[in-house]
Amino acid sequence: MPRERFHKDDGRPRYVGPATVVFPDGREVAVTASLVLRLDPATVPDFSYDRHSTWAGSVTLARDDDVDLFDAAPGILRLPDGRKGEFMATGGPRESGCSGLGPAPFD
């Protein structure tokens, strides 16, 4: 019997794969990101990026870098294709939740 997928396909855009976290001081570390688009700004009355997070997920260090992901608050998440988005880290040191600030770097 096939296993049920961890995330059922809910139709929301997702990104799972390599990325780079850029810390406020300019340091960069390789991570694996698992992200999901939380809402479509067009569907929220009086939408404002200042009040609403449109994307969220988690980031995990890809190597044993001597950093704490919580220090990336706010940080930049850059995807391999160059798109990037600002986020707040919600934990650390090796794994952290993240809450996007502004437009998602994926679609």
PDB file of N, CA and C in Angstrom:
ATOM      1  N   MET A   1       0.846  -1.173   0.000  1.00  0.00           N
ATOM      2  CA  MET A   1       0.000   0.000   0.000  1.00  0.00           C
ATOM      3  C   MET A   1       0.897   1.244   0.000  1.00  0.00           C
ATOM      4  N   PRO A   2       0.687   2.187  -0.934  1.00  0.00           N
ATOM      5  CA  PRO A   2       1.527   3.385  -1.001  1.00  0.00           C
ATOM      6  C   PRO A   2       1.291   4.293   0.207  1.00  0.00           C
ATOM      7  N   ARG A   3       2.391   4.924   0.645  1.00  0.00           N
ATOM      8  CA  ARG A   3       2.293   5.862   1.772  1.00  0.00           C
ATOM      9  C   ARG A   3       1.630   7.150   1.330  1.00  0.00           C
ATOM     10  N   GLU A   4       0.872   7.734   2.211  1.00  0.00           N
ATOM     11  CA  GLU A   4       0.252   9.015   1.946  1.00  0.00           C
ATOM     12  C   GLU A   4       1.317  10.098   2.021  1.00  0.00           C
ATOM     13  N   ARG A   5       1.273  11.069   1.117  1.00  0.00           N
ATOM     14  CA  ARG A   5       2.234  12.164   1.117  1.00  0.00           C
ATOM     15  C   ARG A   5       2.100  12.974   2.392  1.00  0.00           C
ATOM     16  N   PHE A   6       3.239  13.473   2.899  1.00  0.00           N
ATOM     17  CA  PHE A   6       3.236  14.273   4.120  1.00  0.00           C
ATOM     18  C   PHE A   6       2.373  15.519   3.946  1.00  0.00           C
ATOM     19  N   HIS A   7       2.557  16.214   2.811  1.00  0.00           N
ATOM     20  CA  HIS A   7       1.738  17.389   2.508  1.00  0.00           C
ATOM     21  C   HIS A   7       0.789  17.030   1.382  1.00  0.00           C
ATOM     22  N   LYS A   8      -0.478  17.075   1.661  1.00  0.00           N
ATOM     23  CA  LYS A   8      -1.440  16.839   0.591  1.00  0.00           C
ATOM     24  C   LYS A   8      -1.375  18.019  -0.375  1.00  0.00           C
ATOM     25  N   ASP A   9      -1.602  17.765  -1.639  1.00  0.00           N
ATOM     26  CA  ASP A   9      -1.567  18.835  -2.632  1.00  0.00           C
ATOM     27  C   ASP A   9      -2.782  19.731  -2.432  1.00  0.00           C
ATOM     28  N   ASP A  10      -2.516  20.914  -1.886  1.00  0.00           N
ATOM     29  CA  ASP A  10      -3.605  21.852  -1.637  1.00  0.00           C
ATOM     30  C   ASP A  10      -3.644  22.947  -2.694  1.00  0.00           C
ATOM     31  N   GLY A  11      -2.801  22.819  -3.727  1.00  0.00           N
ATOM     32  CA  GLY A  11      -2.805  23.784  -4.809  1.00  0.00           C
ATOM     33  C   GLY A  11      -1.979  25.029  -4.538  1.00  0.00           C
ATOM     34  N   ARG A  12      -1.423  25.165  -3.326  1.00  0.00           N
ATOM     35  CA  ARG A  12      -0.623  26.351  -3.022  1.00  0.00           C
ATOM     36  C   ARG A  12       0.791  26.171  -3.569  1.00  0.00           C
ATOM     37  N   PRO A  13       1.344  27.220  -4.173  1.00  0.00           N
ATOM     38  CA  PRO A  13       2.725  27.127  -4.661  1.00  0.00           C
ATOM     39  C   PRO A  13       3.695  26.843  -3.515  1.00  0.00           C
ATOM     40  N   ARG A  14       4.684  25.980  -3.786  1.00  0.00           N
ATOM     41  CA  ARG A  14       5.688  25.590  -2.796  1.00  0.00           C
ATOM     42  C   ARG A  14       7.067  25.637  -3.447  1.00  0.00           C
ATOM     43  N   TYR A  15       8.076  25.766  -2.607  1.00  0.00           N
ATOM     44  CA  TYR A  15       9.463  25.608  -3.035  1.00  0.00           C
ATOM     45  C   TYR A  15      10.154  24.744  -1.994  1.00  0.00           C
ATOM     46  N   VAL A  16      10.793  23.679  -2.436  1.00  0.00           N
ATOM     47  CA  VAL A  16      11.611  22.836  -1.567  1.00  0.00           C
ATOM     48  C   VAL A  16      12.916  22.609  -2.301  1.00  0.00           C
ATOM     49  N   GLY A  17      14.023  23.041  -1.698  1.00  0.00           N
ATOM     50  CA  GLY A  17      15.307  22.859  -2.346  1.00  0.00           C
ATOM     51  C   GLY A  17      16.373  23.757  -1.768  1.00  0.00           C
ATOM     52  N   PRO A  18      17.488  23.869  -2.488  1.00  0.00           N
ATOM     53  CA  PRO A  18      18.617  24.654  -1.987  1.00  0.00           C
ATOM     54  C   PRO A  18      18.332  26.151  -2.025  1.00  0.00           C
ATOM     55  N   ALA A  19      18.972  26.855  -1.106  1.00  0.00           N
ATOM     56  CA  ALA A  19      18.859  28.314  -1.042  1.00  0.00           C
ATOM     57  C   ALA A  19      20.057  28.836  -0.258  1.00  0.00           C
ATOM     58  N   THR A  20      20.176  30.142  -0.193  1.00  0.00           N
ATOM     59  CA  THR A  20      21.225  30.803   0.569  1.00  0.00           C
ATOM     60  C   THR A  20      20.577  31.804   1.509  1.00  0.00           C
ATOM     61  N   VAL A  21      20.994  31.789   2.779  1.00  0.00           N
ATOM     62  CA  VAL A  21      20.558  32.808   3.733  1.00  0.00           C
ATOM     63  C   VAL A  21      21.660  33.857   3.800  1.00  0.00           C
ATOM     64  N   VAL A  22      21.275  35.117   3.618  1.00  0.00           N
ATOM     65  CA  VAL A  22      22.194  36.238   3.749  1.00  0.00           C
ATOM     66  C   VAL A  22      21.842  36.950   5.057  1.00  0.00           C
ATOM     67  N   PHE A  23      22.792  36.972   5.977  1.00  0.00           N
ATOM     68  CA  PHE A  23      22.602  37.606   7.281  1.00  0.00           C
ATOM     69  C   PHE A  23      22.716  39.120   7.147  1.00  0.00           C
ATOM     70  N   PRO A  24      22.180  39.861   8.119  1.00  0.00           N
ATOM     71  CA  PRO A  24      22.259  41.324   8.072  1.00  0.00           C
ATOM     72  C   PRO A  24      23.697  41.855   7.947  1.00  0.00           C
ATOM     73  N   ASP A  25      24.684  41.100   8.477  1.00  0.00           N
ATOM     74  CA  ASP A  25      26.083  41.553   8.394  1.00  0.00           C
ATOM     75  C   ASP A  25      26.765  41.120   7.099  1.00  0.00           C
ATOM     76  N   GLY A  26      26.019  40.472   6.168  1.00  0.00           N
ATOM     77  CA  GLY A  26      26.559  40.081   4.878  1.00  0.00           C
ATOM     78  C   GLY A  26      27.034  38.642   4.782  1.00  0.00           C
ATOM     79  N   ARG A  27      27.150  37.930   5.909  1.00  0.00           N
ATOM     80  CA  ARG A  27      27.548  36.516   5.846  1.00  0.00           C
ATOM     81  C   ARG A  27      26.503  35.738   5.058  1.00  0.00           C
ATOM     82  N   GLU A  28      26.942  34.689   4.364  1.00  0.00           N
ATOM     83  CA  GLU A  28      26.044  33.845   3.590  1.00  0.00           C
ATOM     84  C   GLU A  28      26.262  32.394   3.973  1.00  0.00           C
ATOM     85  N   VAL A  29      25.168  31.631   4.101  1.00  0.00           N
ATOM     86  CA  VAL A  29      25.255  30.198   4.377  1.00  0.00           C
ATOM     87  C   VAL A  29      24.268  29.448   3.484  1.00  0.00           C
ATOM     88  N   ALA A  30      24.670  28.245   3.101  1.00  0.00           N
ATOM     89  CA  ALA A  30      23.816  27.376   2.290  1.00  0.00           C
ATOM     90  C   ALA A  30      22.794  26.707   3.202  1.00  0.00           C
ATOM     91  N   VAL A  31      21.543  26.652   2.726  1.00  0.00           N
ATOM     92  CA  VAL A  31      20.462  26.021   3.473  1.00  0.00           C
ATOM     93  C   VAL A  31      19.612  25.188   2.528  1.00  0.00           C
ATOM     94  N   THR A  32      18.782  24.363   3.115  1.00  0.00           N
ATOM     95  CA  THR A  32      17.688  23.724   2.394  1.00  0.00           C
ATOM     96  C   THR A  32      16.421  24.419   2.872  1.00  0.00           C
ATOM     97  N   ALA A  33      15.622  24.889   1.941  1.00  0.00           N
ATOM     98  CA  ALA A  33      14.404  25.628   2.279  1.00  0.00           C
ATOM     99  C   ALA A  33      13.175  24.798   1.927  1.00  0.00           C
ATOM    100  N   SER A  34      12.167  24.910   2.754  1.00  0.00           N
ATOM    101  CA  SER A  34      10.862  24.314   2.490  1.00  0.00           C
ATOM    102  C   SER A  34       9.840  25.421   2.724  1.00  0.00           C
ATOM    103  N   LEU A  35       9.276  25.944   1.646  1.00  0.00           N
ATOM    104  CA  LEU A  35       8.458  27.150   1.714  1.00  0.00           C
ATOM    105  C   LEU A  35       7.092  26.923   1.068  1.00  0.00           C
ATOM    106  N   VAL A  36       6.125  27.691   1.532  1.00  0.00           N
ATOM    107  CA  VAL A  36       4.785  27.608   0.958  1.00  0.00           C
ATOM    108  C   VAL A  36       4.185  29.015   0.904  1.00  0.00           C
ATOM    109  N   LEU A  37       3.440  29.276  -0.154  1.00  0.00           N
ATOM    110  CA  LEU A  37       2.721  30.526  -0.273  1.00  0.00           C
ATOM    111  C   LEU A  37       1.478  30.427   0.606  1.00  0.00           C
ATOM    112  N   ARG A  38       1.373  31.310   1.578  1.00  0.00           N
ATOM    113  CA  ARG A  38       0.282  31.239   2.550  1.00  0.00           C
ATOM    114  C   ARG A  38      -1.012  31.855   2.037  1.00  0.00           C
ATOM    115  N   LEU A  39      -0.896  32.948   1.304  1.00  0.00           N
ATOM    116  CA  LEU A  39      -2.111  33.589   0.801  1.00  0.00           C
ATOM    117  C   LEU A  39      -1.798  34.382  -0.447  1.00  0.00           C
ATOM    118  N   ASP A  40      -2.828  34.609  -1.213  1.00  0.00           N
ATOM    119  CA  ASP A  40      -2.732  35.420  -2.414  1.00  0.00           C
ATOM    120  C   ASP A  40      -3.169  36.827  -2.028  1.00  0.00           C
ATOM    121  N   PRO A  41      -2.283  37.817  -2.153  1.00  0.00           N
ATOM    122  CA  PRO A  41      -2.653  39.183  -1.750  1.00  0.00           C
ATOM    123  C   PRO A  41      -3.952  39.690  -2.378  1.00  0.00           C
ATOM    124  N   ALA A  42      -4.272  39.208  -3.576  1.00  0.00           N
ATOM    125  CA  ALA A  42      -5.488  39.663  -4.246  1.00  0.00           C
ATOM    126  C   ALA A  42      -6.756  39.205  -3.531  1.00  0.00           C
ATOM    127  N   THR A  43      -6.643  38.218  -2.635  1.00  0.00           N
ATOM    128  CA  THR A  43      -7.834  37.688  -1.968  1.00  0.00           C
ATOM    129  C   THR A  43      -8.078  38.291  -0.586  1.00  0.00           C
ATOM    130  N   VAL A  44      -7.199  39.201  -0.140  1.00  0.00           N
ATOM    131  CA  VAL A  44      -7.307  39.768   1.211  1.00  0.00           C
ATOM    132  C   VAL A  44      -7.699  41.237   1.121  1.00  0.00           C
ATOM    133  N   PRO A  45      -8.882  41.594   1.648  1.00  0.00           N
ATOM    134  CA  PRO A  45      -9.276  43.006   1.633  1.00  0.00           C
ATOM    135  C   PRO A  45      -8.258  43.858   2.393  1.00  0.00           C
ATOM    136  N   ASP A  46      -7.949  45.019   1.865  1.00  0.00           N
ATOM    137  CA  ASP A  46      -7.002  45.952   2.487  1.00  0.00           C
ATOM    138  C   ASP A  46      -5.646  45.313   2.739  1.00  0.00           C
ATOM    139  N   PHE A  47      -5.201  44.453   1.819  1.00  0.00           N
ATOM    140  CA  PHE A  47      -3.918  43.766   1.983  1.00  0.00           C
ATOM    141  C   PHE A  47      -2.779  44.773   2.096  1.00  0.00           C
ATOM    142  N   SER A  48      -1.835  44.480   2.991  1.00  0.00           N
ATOM    143  CA  SER A  48      -0.619  45.274   3.138  1.00  0.00           C
ATOM    144  C   SER A  48       0.510  44.348   3.547  1.00  0.00           C
ATOM    145  N   TYR A  49       1.642  44.412   2.833  1.00  0.00           N
ATOM    146  CA  TYR A  49       2.786  43.581   3.203  1.00  0.00           C
ATOM    147  C   TYR A  49       3.282  43.924   4.599  1.00  0.00           C
ATOM    148  N   ASP A  50       2.976  45.106   5.082  1.00  0.00           N
ATOM    149  CA  ASP A  50       3.372  45.478   6.449  1.00  0.00           C
ATOM    150  C   ASP A  50       2.599  44.692   7.497  1.00  0.00           C
ATOM    151  N   ARG A  51       1.397  44.237   7.150  1.00  0.00           N
ATOM    152  CA  ARG A  51       0.551  43.553   8.135  1.00  0.00           C
ATOM    153  C   ARG A  51       0.366  42.067   7.867  1.00  0.00           C
ATOM    154  N   HIS A  52       0.677  41.603   6.673  1.00  0.00           N
ATOM    155  CA  HIS A  52       0.405  40.223   6.297  1.00  0.00           C
ATOM    156  C   HIS A  52       1.670  39.525   5.796  1.00  0.00           C
ATOM    157  N   SER A  53       1.867  38.292   6.210  1.00  0.00           N
ATOM    158  CA  SER A  53       2.953  37.463   5.681  1.00  0.00           C
ATOM    159  C   SER A  53       2.357  36.576   4.601  1.00  0.00           C
ATOM    160  N   THR A  54       2.901  36.661   3.384  1.00  0.00           N
ATOM    161  CA  THR A  54       2.345  35.873   2.288  1.00  0.00           C
ATOM    162  C   THR A  54       3.016  34.517   2.130  1.00  0.00           C
ATOM    163  N   TRP A  55       4.191  34.338   2.746  1.00  0.00           N
ATOM    164  CA  TRP A  55       4.885  33.054   2.605  1.00  0.00           C
ATOM    165  C   TRP A  55       5.577  32.713   3.914  1.00  0.00           C
ATOM    166  N   ALA A  56       5.805  31.404   4.100  1.00  0.00           N
ATOM    167  CA  ALA A  56       6.421  30.927   5.340  1.00  0.00           C
ATOM    168  C   ALA A  56       7.026  29.556   5.077  1.00  0.00           C
ATOM    169  N   GLY A  57       7.712  29.034   6.072  1.00  0.00           N
ATOM    170  CA  GLY A  57       8.286  27.706   5.941  1.00  0.00           C
ATOM    171  C   GLY A  57       9.404  27.486   6.921  1.00  0.00           C
ATOM    172  N   SER A  58      10.437  26.780   6.452  1.00  0.00           N
ATOM    173  CA  SER A  58      11.575  26.498   7.313  1.00  0.00           C
ATOM    174  C   SER A  58      12.849  26.490   6.486  1.00  0.00           C
ATOM    175  N   VAL A  59      13.968  26.752   7.170  1.00  0.00           N
ATOM    176  CA  VAL A  59      15.288  26.661   6.560  1.00  0.00           C
ATOM    177  C   VAL A  59      16.167  25.827   7.487  1.00  0.00           C
ATOM    178  N   THR A  60      17.021  24.993   6.898  1.00  0.00           N
ATOM    179  CA  THR A  60      17.928  24.119   7.638  1.00  0.00           C
ATOM    180  C   THR A  60      19.320  24.265   7.056  1.00  0.00           C
ATOM    181  N   LEU A  61      20.311  24.466   7.920  1.00  0.00           N
ATOM    182  CA  LEU A  61      21.687  24.576   7.439  1.00  0.00           C
ATOM    183  C   LEU A  61      22.063  23.347   6.621  1.00  0.00           C
ATOM    184  N   ALA A  62      22.714  23.561   5.485  1.00  0.00           N
ATOM    185  CA  ALA A  62      23.129  22.461   4.620  1.00  0.00           C
ATOM    186  C   ALA A  62      24.463  21.872   5.063  1.00  0.00           C
ATOM    187  N   ARG A  63      25.248  22.658   5.832  1.00  0.00           N
ATOM    188  CA  ARG A  63      26.555  22.207   6.323  1.00  0.00           C
ATOM    189  C   ARG A  63      26.659  22.571   7.802  1.00  0.00           C
ATOM    190  N   ASP A  64      27.773  22.200   8.401  1.00  0.00           N
ATOM    191  CA  ASP A  64      28.007  22.531   9.810  1.00  0.00           C
ATOM    192  C   ASP A  64      28.647  23.901   9.952  1.00  0.00           C
ATOM    193  N   ASP A  65      28.007  24.917   9.395  1.00  0.00           N
ATOM    194  CA  ASP A  65      28.504  26.285   9.535  1.00  0.00           C
ATOM    195  C   ASP A  65      28.337  26.742  10.977  1.00  0.00           C
ATOM    196  N   ASP A  66      29.251  27.578  11.442  1.00  0.00           N
ATOM    197  CA  ASP A  66      29.215  28.089  12.802  1.00  0.00           C
ATOM    198  C   ASP A  66      28.373  29.364  12.855  1.00  0.00           C
ATOM    199  N   VAL A  67      27.071  29.210  12.633  1.00  0.00           N
ATOM    200  CA  VAL A  67      26.134  30.333  12.664  1.00  0.00           C
ATOM    201  C   VAL A  67      24.870  29.886  13.387  1.00  0.00           C
ATOM    202  N   ASP A  68      24.099  30.845  13.811  1.00  0.00           N
ATOM    203  CA  ASP A  68      22.787  30.594  14.406  1.00  0.00           C
ATOM    204  C   ASP A  68      21.761  31.244  13.487  1.00  0.00           C
ATOM    205  N   LEU A  69      20.911  30.447  12.875  1.00  0.00           N
ATOM    206  CA  LEU A  69      19.926  30.994  11.937  1.00  0.00           C
ATOM    207  C   LEU A  69      19.029  32.057  12.565  1.00  0.00           C
ATOM    208  N   PHE A  70      18.857  32.007  13.885  1.00  0.00           N
ATOM    209  CA  PHE A  70      18.025  33.025  14.534  1.00  0.00           C
ATOM    210  C   PHE A  70      18.633  34.420  14.370  1.00  0.00           C
ATOM    211  N   ASP A  71      19.949  34.483  14.153  1.00  0.00           N
ATOM    212  CA  ASP A  71      20.606  35.771  13.948  1.00  0.00           C
ATOM    213  C   ASP A  71      20.250  36.397  12.603  1.00  0.00           C
ATOM    214  N   ALA A  72      19.625  35.646  11.742  1.00  0.00           N
ATOM    215  CA  ALA A  72      19.163  36.177  10.453  1.00  0.00           C
ATOM    216  C   ALA A  72      17.758  36.730  10.649  1.00  0.00           C
ATOM    217  N   ALA A  73      17.682  37.799  11.402  1.00  0.00           N
ATOM    218  CA  ALA A  73      16.373  38.365  11.737  1.00  0.00           C
ATOM    219  C   ALA A  73      16.462  39.886  11.681  1.00  0.00           C
ATOM    220  N   PRO A  74      16.120  40.531  10.576  1.00  0.00           N
ATOM    221  CA  PRO A  74      15.680  39.907   9.327  1.00  0.00           C
ATOM    222  C   PRO A  74      16.866  39.464   8.483  1.00  0.00           C
ATOM    223  N   GLY A  75      16.591  38.519   7.607  1.00  0.00           N
ATOM    224  CA  GLY A  75      17.600  38.032   6.676  1.00  0.00           C
ATOM    225  C   GLY A  75      17.025  38.016   5.269  1.00  0.00           C
ATOM    226  N   ILE A  76      17.884  37.659   4.341  1.00  0.00           N
ATOM    227  CA  ILE A  76      17.466  37.521   2.943  1.00  0.00           C
ATOM    228  C   ILE A  76      17.598  36.050   2.571  1.00  0.00           C
ATOM    229  N   LEU A  77      16.591  35.512   1.926  1.00  0.00           N
ATOM    230  CA  LEU A  77      16.638  34.149   1.412  1.00  0.00           C
ATOM    231  C   LEU A  77      16.751  34.256  -0.104  1.00  0.00           C
ATOM    232  N   ARG A  78      17.859  33.754  -0.655  1.00  0.00           N
ATOM    233  CA  ARG A  78      18.103  33.824  -2.090  1.00  0.00           C
ATOM    234  C   ARG A  78      18.028  32.420  -2.676  1.00  0.00           C
ATOM    235  N   LEU A  79      17.197  32.257  -3.703  1.00  0.00           N
ATOM    236  CA  LEU A  79      17.041  30.967  -4.380  1.00  0.00           C
ATOM    237  C   LEU A  79      18.073  30.844  -5.498  1.00  0.00           C
ATOM    238  N   PRO A  80      18.326  29.631  -5.985  1.00  0.00           N
ATOM    239  CA  PRO A  80      19.339  29.428  -7.028  1.00  0.00           C
ATOM    240  C   PRO A  80      19.113  30.256  -8.294  1.00  0.00           C
ATOM    241  N   ASP A  81      17.864  30.602  -8.604  1.00  0.00           N
ATOM    242  CA  ASP A  81      17.602  31.393  -9.814  1.00  0.00           C
ATOM    243  C   ASP A  81      17.796  32.888  -9.599  1.00  0.00           C
ATOM    244  N   GLY A  82      18.230  33.279  -8.378  1.00  0.00           N
ATOM    245  CA  GLY A  82      18.504  34.688  -8.088  1.00  0.00           C
ATOM    246  C   GLY A  82      17.375  35.430  -7.408  1.00  0.00           C
ATOM    247  N   ARG A  83      16.176  34.858  -7.437  1.00  0.00           N
ATOM    248  CA  ARG A  83      15.073  35.545  -6.756  1.00  0.00           C
ATOM    249  C   ARG A  83      15.336  35.526  -5.256  1.00  0.00           C
ATOM    250  N   LYS A  84      14.903  36.571  -4.569  1.00  0.00           N
ATOM    251  CA  LYS A  84      15.140  36.640  -3.138  1.00  0.00           C
ATOM    252  C   LYS A  84      13.992  37.318  -2.434  1.00  0.00           C
ATOM    253  N   GLY A  85      13.898  37.035  -1.124  1.00  0.00           N
ATOM    254  CA  GLY A  85      12.871  37.636  -0.295  1.00  0.00           C
ATOM    255  C   GLY A  85      13.399  37.825   1.110  1.00  0.00           C
ATOM    256  N   GLU A  86      12.879  38.823   1.772  1.00  0.00           N
ATOM    257  CA  GLU A  86      13.267  39.092   3.155  1.00  0.00           C
ATOM    258  C   GLU A  86      12.407  38.245   4.083  1.00  0.00           C
ATOM    259  N   PHE A  87      13.009  37.768   5.183  1.00  0.00           N
ATOM    260  CA  PHE A  87      12.259  36.934   6.118  1.00  0.00           C
ATOM    261  C   PHE A  87      12.751  37.160   7.535  1.00  0.00           C
ATOM    262  N   MET A  88      11.913  36.744   8.480  1.00  0.00           N
ATOM    263  CA  MET A  88      12.281  36.728   9.891  1.00  0.00           C
ATOM    264  C   MET A  88      12.464  35.274  10.293  1.00  0.00           C
ATOM    265  N   ALA A  89      13.607  34.976  10.900  1.00  0.00           N
ATOM    266  CA  ALA A  89      13.844  33.637  11.444  1.00  0.00           C
ATOM    267  C   ALA A  89      13.110  33.523  12.767  1.00  0.00           C
ATOM    268  N   THR A  90      12.546  32.359  13.031  1.00  0.00           N
ATOM    269  CA  THR A  90      11.773  32.177  14.269  1.00  0.00           C
ATOM    270  C   THR A  90      12.386  31.142  15.193  1.00  0.00           C
ATOM    271  N   GLY A  91      13.607  30.728  14.914  1.00  0.00           N
ATOM    272  CA  GLY A  91      14.269  29.743  15.765  1.00  0.00           C
ATOM    273  C   GLY A  91      15.706  29.586  15.349  1.00  0.00           C
ATOM    274  N   GLY A  92      16.351  28.570  15.838  1.00  0.00           N
ATOM    275  CA  GLY A  92      17.745  28.326  15.489  1.00  0.00           C
ATOM    276  C   GLY A  92      18.272  27.259  16.424  1.00  0.00           C
ATOM    277  N   PRO A  93      19.517  26.919  16.382  1.00  0.00           N
ATOM    278  CA  PRO A  93      20.550  27.462  15.512  1.00  0.00           C
ATOM    279  C   PRO A  93      20.638  26.790  14.134  1.00  0.00           C
ATOM    280  N   ARG A  94      20.441  25.441  14.041  1.00  0.00           N
ATOM    281  CA  ARG A  94      20.608  24.748  12.758  1.00  0.00           C
ATOM    282  C   ARG A  94      19.344  24.757  11.900  1.00  0.00           C
ATOM    283  N   GLU A  95      18.195  24.780  12.545  1.00  0.00           N
ATOM    284  CA  GLU A  95      16.914  24.774  11.836  1.00  0.00           C
ATOM    285  C   GLU A  95      16.086  25.930  12.347  1.00  0.00           C
ATOM    286  N   SER A  96      15.345  26.544  11.466  1.00  0.00           N
ATOM    287  CA  SER A  96      14.527  27.666  11.874  1.00  0.00           C
ATOM    288  C   SER A  96      13.265  27.740  11.032  1.00  0.00           C
ATOM    289  N   GLY A  97      12.194  28.136  11.663  1.00  0.00           N
ATOM    290  CA  GLY A  97      11.027  28.523  10.915  1.00  0.00           C
ATOM    291  C   GLY A  97      11.311  29.876  10.308  1.00  0.00           C
ATOM    292  N   CYS A  98      10.581  30.228   9.283  1.00  0.00           N
ATOM    293  CA  CYS A  98      10.748  31.558   8.715  1.00  0.00           C
ATOM    294  C   CYS A  98       9.391  32.089   8.288  1.00  0.00           C
ATOM    295  N   SER A  99       9.262  33.400   8.447  1.00  0.00           N
ATOM    296  CA  SER A  99       8.051  34.085   8.050  1.00  0.00           C
ATOM    297  C   SER A  99       8.455  35.174   7.074  1.00  0.00           C
ATOM    298  N   GLY A 100       7.928  35.094   5.854  1.00  0.00           N
ATOM    299  CA  GLY A 100       8.304  36.023   4.816  1.00  0.00           C
ATOM    300  C   GLY A 100       7.828  37.432   5.071  1.00  0.00           C
ATOM    301  N   LEU A 101       8.652  38.380   4.646  1.00  0.00           N
ATOM    302  CA  LEU A 101       8.312  39.805   4.699  1.00  0.00           C
ATOM    303  C   LEU A 101       8.271  40.298   3.257  1.00  0.00           C
ATOM    304  N   GLY A 102       7.111  40.650   2.781  1.00  0.00           N
ATOM    305  CA  GLY A 102       7.009  41.095   1.395  1.00  0.00           C
ATOM    306  C   GLY A 102       6.719  39.937   0.453  1.00  0.00           C
ATOM    307  N   PRO A 103       6.888  40.195  -0.845  1.00  0.00           N
ATOM    308  CA  PRO A 103       6.563  39.195  -1.859  1.00  0.00           C
ATOM    309  C   PRO A 103       7.413  37.926  -1.727  1.00  0.00           C
ATOM    310  N   ALA A 104       6.821  36.793  -2.064  1.00  0.00           N
ATOM    311  CA  ALA A 104       7.523  35.508  -2.023  1.00  0.00           C
ATOM    312  C   ALA A 104       8.555  35.437  -3.148  1.00  0.00           C
ATOM    313  N   PRO A 105       9.706  34.773  -2.889  1.00  0.00           N
ATOM    314  CA  PRO A 105      10.718  34.628  -3.929  1.00  0.00           C
ATOM    315  C   PRO A 105      10.463  33.435  -4.861  1.00  0.00           C
ATOM    316  N   PHE A 106       9.268  32.905  -4.830  1.00  0.00           N
ATOM    317  CA  PHE A 106       8.895  31.753  -5.667  1.00  0.00           C
ATOM    318  C   PHE A 106       7.433  31.924  -6.040  1.00  0.00           C
ATOM    319  N   ASP A 107       7.011  31.182  -7.069  1.00  0.00           N
ATOM    320  CA  ASP A 107       5.597  31.227  -7.456  1.00  0.00           C
ATOM    321  C   ASP A 107       5.150  29.890  -7.973  1.00  0.00           C
TER     322      ASP A 107
END
